[in-house]
Amino acid sequence: MKQDIHPEYKKVVFLDTGTGFKFLSGSTYESEETIEWEDGNTYPLIKVEISSDSHPFYTGKQRLADTGGRIDRFKKKYNMN
């Protein structure tokens, strides 16, 4: 690999802004904000809107679309009965 062309891979803290859930992971993202983690070290802070703590797939609060109703409404709207 060529030297000095890849971004620096380091530990960062991701914060789910919706739930306040935080986790430490490796990333190449850069951030001006920092946070002190449970181990006493300071890491860059990356704010995200959705994480495994708030995503419907992982929380089990997934909504199923009413496909039959949606199709009927579409047909009614465009007189396709």
C-alpha atoms as a PDB file:
ATOM      1  CA  MET A   1       0.000   0.000   0.000  1.00  0.00           C
ATOM      2  CA  LYS A   2       1.095   3.538  -0.635  1.00  0.00           C
ATOM      3  CA  GLN A   3       2.131   5.450   2.452  1.00  0.00           C
ATOM      4  CA  ASP A   4       0.367   8.604   3.699  1.00  0.00           C
ATOM      5  CA  ILE A   5      -2.717   8.381   1.414  1.00  0.00           C
ATOM      6  CA  HIS A   6      -5.110   6.604   3.775  1.00  0.00           C
ATOM      7  CA  PRO A   7      -7.086   8.335   6.537  1.00  0.00           C
ATOM      8  CA  GLU A   8      -6.063   7.597  10.106  1.00  0.00           C
ATOM      9  CA  TYR A   9      -8.051   4.775  11.697  1.00  0.00           C
ATOM     10  CA  LYS A  10      -8.682   5.451  15.376  1.00  0.00           C
ATOM     11  CA  LYS A  11     -11.159   4.820  18.180  1.00  0.00           C
ATOM     12  CA  VAL A  12     -14.174   7.175  18.302  1.00  0.00           C
ATOM     13  CA  VAL A  13     -17.381   7.337  20.325  1.00  0.00           C
ATOM     14  CA  PHE A  14     -20.673   7.306  18.425  1.00  0.00           C
ATOM     15  CA  LEU A  15     -23.663   8.984  20.122  1.00  0.00           C
ATOM     16  CA  ASP A  16     -27.248   8.227  19.052  1.00  0.00           C
ATOM     17  CA  THR A  17     -28.867  11.663  19.368  1.00  0.00           C
ATOM     18  CA  GLY A  18     -32.351  10.173  19.656  1.00  0.00           C
ATOM     19  CA  THR A  19     -31.732   7.823  22.571  1.00  0.00           C
ATOM     20  CA  GLY A  20     -28.448   8.967  24.120  1.00  0.00           C
ATOM     21  CA  PHE A  21     -26.893   5.527  23.501  1.00  0.00           C
ATOM     22  CA  LYS A  22     -23.085   5.671  23.130  1.00  0.00           C
ATOM     23  CA  PHE A  23     -20.619   3.093  21.873  1.00  0.00           C
ATOM     24  CA  LEU A  24     -16.884   3.001  21.216  1.00  0.00           C
ATOM     25  CA  SER A  25     -15.712   1.778  17.819  1.00  0.00           C
ATOM     26  CA  GLY A  26     -12.964   2.262  15.279  1.00  0.00           C
ATOM     27  CA  SER A  27     -13.458   4.756  12.460  1.00  0.00           C
ATOM     28  CA  THR A  28     -11.757   7.161  10.080  1.00  0.00           C
ATOM     29  CA  TYR A  29     -14.312   9.932  10.800  1.00  0.00           C
ATOM     30  CA  GLU A  30     -12.939  13.224  12.096  1.00  0.00           C
ATOM     31  CA  SER A  31     -14.651  15.371  14.706  1.00  0.00           C
ATOM     32  CA  GLU A  32     -13.893  18.558  16.611  1.00  0.00           C
ATOM     33  CA  GLU A  33     -16.000  17.393  19.569  1.00  0.00           C
ATOM     34  CA  THR A  34     -14.550  15.015  22.144  1.00  0.00           C
ATOM     35  CA  ILE A  35     -15.935  12.999  25.044  1.00  0.00           C
ATOM     36  CA  GLU A  36     -14.406  11.216  28.004  1.00  0.00           C
ATOM     37  CA  TRP A  37     -15.210   7.507  27.814  1.00  0.00           C
ATOM     38  CA  GLU A  38     -15.696   5.024  30.663  1.00  0.00           C
ATOM     39  CA  ASP A  39     -12.031   3.995  30.520  1.00  0.00           C
ATOM     40  CA  GLY A  40     -10.937   7.558  31.366  1.00  0.00           C
ATOM     41  CA  ASN A  41      -9.578   8.329  27.872  1.00  0.00           C
ATOM     42  CA  THR A  42     -10.837  11.135  25.647  1.00  0.00           C
ATOM     43  CA  TYR A  43     -12.084  10.204  22.173  1.00  0.00           C
ATOM     44  CA  PRO A  44     -13.598  12.126  19.234  1.00  0.00           C
ATOM     45  CA  LEU A  45     -17.427  12.228  19.373  1.00  0.00           C
ATOM     46  CA  ILE A  46     -19.519  11.428  16.283  1.00  0.00           C
ATOM     47  CA  LYS A  47     -23.262  12.143  16.541  1.00  0.00           C
ATOM     48  CA  VAL A  48     -25.595   9.863  14.572  1.00  0.00           C
ATOM     49  CA  GLU A  49     -29.381   9.948  14.191  1.00  0.00           C
ATOM     50  CA  ILE A  50     -29.930   6.175  14.112  1.00  0.00           C
ATOM     51  CA  SER A  51     -28.042   3.318  15.743  1.00  0.00           C
ATOM     52  CA  SER A  52     -28.834  -0.247  16.738  1.00  0.00           C
ATOM     53  CA  ASP A  53     -30.476   1.214  19.850  1.00  0.00           C
ATOM     54  CA  SER A  54     -33.077   3.191  17.880  1.00  0.00           C
ATOM     55  CA  HIS A  55     -33.418   1.470  14.491  1.00  0.00           C
ATOM     56  CA  PRO A  56     -36.791  -0.309  14.113  1.00  0.00           C
ATOM     57  CA  PHE A  57     -35.180  -3.487  12.771  1.00  0.00           C
ATOM     58  CA  TYR A  58     -33.132  -3.974  15.940  1.00  0.00           C
ATOM     59  CA  THR A  59     -35.695  -2.696  18.443  1.00  0.00           C
ATOM     60  CA  GLY A  60     -38.518  -4.903  17.144  1.00  0.00           C
ATOM     61  CA  LYS A  61     -40.827  -1.920  16.712  1.00  0.00           C
ATOM     62  CA  GLN A  62     -40.970  -2.261  12.956  1.00  0.00           C
ATOM     63  CA  ARG A  63     -44.171  -1.128  11.235  1.00  0.00           C
ATOM     64  CA  LEU A  64     -45.640  -3.189   8.454  1.00  0.00           C
ATOM     65  CA  ALA A  65     -47.191  -1.256   5.604  1.00  0.00           C
ATOM     66  CA  ASP A  66     -50.838  -1.871   4.793  1.00  0.00           C
ATOM     67  CA  THR A  67     -50.132  -2.830   1.187  1.00  0.00           C
ATOM     68  CA  GLY A  68     -53.711  -3.845   0.398  1.00  0.00           C
ATOM     69  CA  GLY A  69     -55.077  -0.525   1.590  1.00  0.00           C
ATOM     70  CA  ARG A  70     -52.433   1.444  -0.258  1.00  0.00           C
ATOM     71  CA  ILE A  71     -53.175  -0.311  -3.547  1.00  0.00           C
ATOM     72  CA  ASP A  72     -56.918   0.205  -3.163  1.00  0.00           C
ATOM     73  CA  ARG A  73     -56.423   3.909  -2.434  1.00  0.00           C
ATOM     74  CA  PHE A  74     -54.189   4.268  -5.499  1.00  0.00           C
ATOM     75  CA  LYS A  75     -56.745   2.576  -7.761  1.00  0.00           C
ATOM     76  CA  LYS A  76     -59.574   4.675  -6.345  1.00  0.00           C
ATOM     77  CA  LYS A  77     -57.563   7.885  -6.765  1.00  0.00           C
ATOM     78  CA  TYR A  78     -56.879   7.199 -10.458  1.00  0.00           C
ATOM     79  CA  ASN A  79     -60.245   5.524 -11.240  1.00  0.00           C
ATOM     80  CA  MET A  80     -58.670   2.175 -12.034  1.00  0.00           C
ATOM     81  CA  ASN A  81     -61.433  -0.005 -10.531  1.00  0.00           C
END
